[in-house]
Amino acid sequence: MPQMPADMPKLEEVLIKSNELTWRPKSLQGVYEKVLWRDEGTGASICLIKFDKGTSIPQPHLHASNQFMFVLKGHYEYKHNGLVLRDGSFYWNPKGNVHGPTIAHEETIVVEIYDGPHYPQRPSWYDNDEDAR
């Protein structure tokens, strides 16, 4: 094993049993999250997001970083362009790209990854800053 610098922090593996986490409801009715990882310094995050059937992100919007989503289950549509995400779909929305509104045609669960902060400012459909992180 190579000699590690004395001031290097100890790194350990992390296991999160996401099935044991409780879904935290967001202020937009029908949207829930399980935070798996967040870098408080950069705003980057990895979360599970659940959309109840019929839930909509109601307005066009953009993100302050790249957004990545992998659909674990469901049927989710970007209404502005008809893009449909289903089980196994991978979606990348580049930083600053305006997209939406959306609709969940059935309960949808995605792994959502941001490589920085989510929004340049809190969108109107959230009533608190925590929901927009």
Foldseek 3Di string as FASTA:
>chain_A
DDDDDPPDDDDDDDDDPQVPDDWDDFLQPQKTKDWPDADVVFQKGKIKIKGAAFRKPADWAFFQFKKKKAWCAFWKAFVVVGDIDGHGDIDIDGGPDTTDTMGTNHITIITMTTPGFGHPDDDPSGPDDVSRD
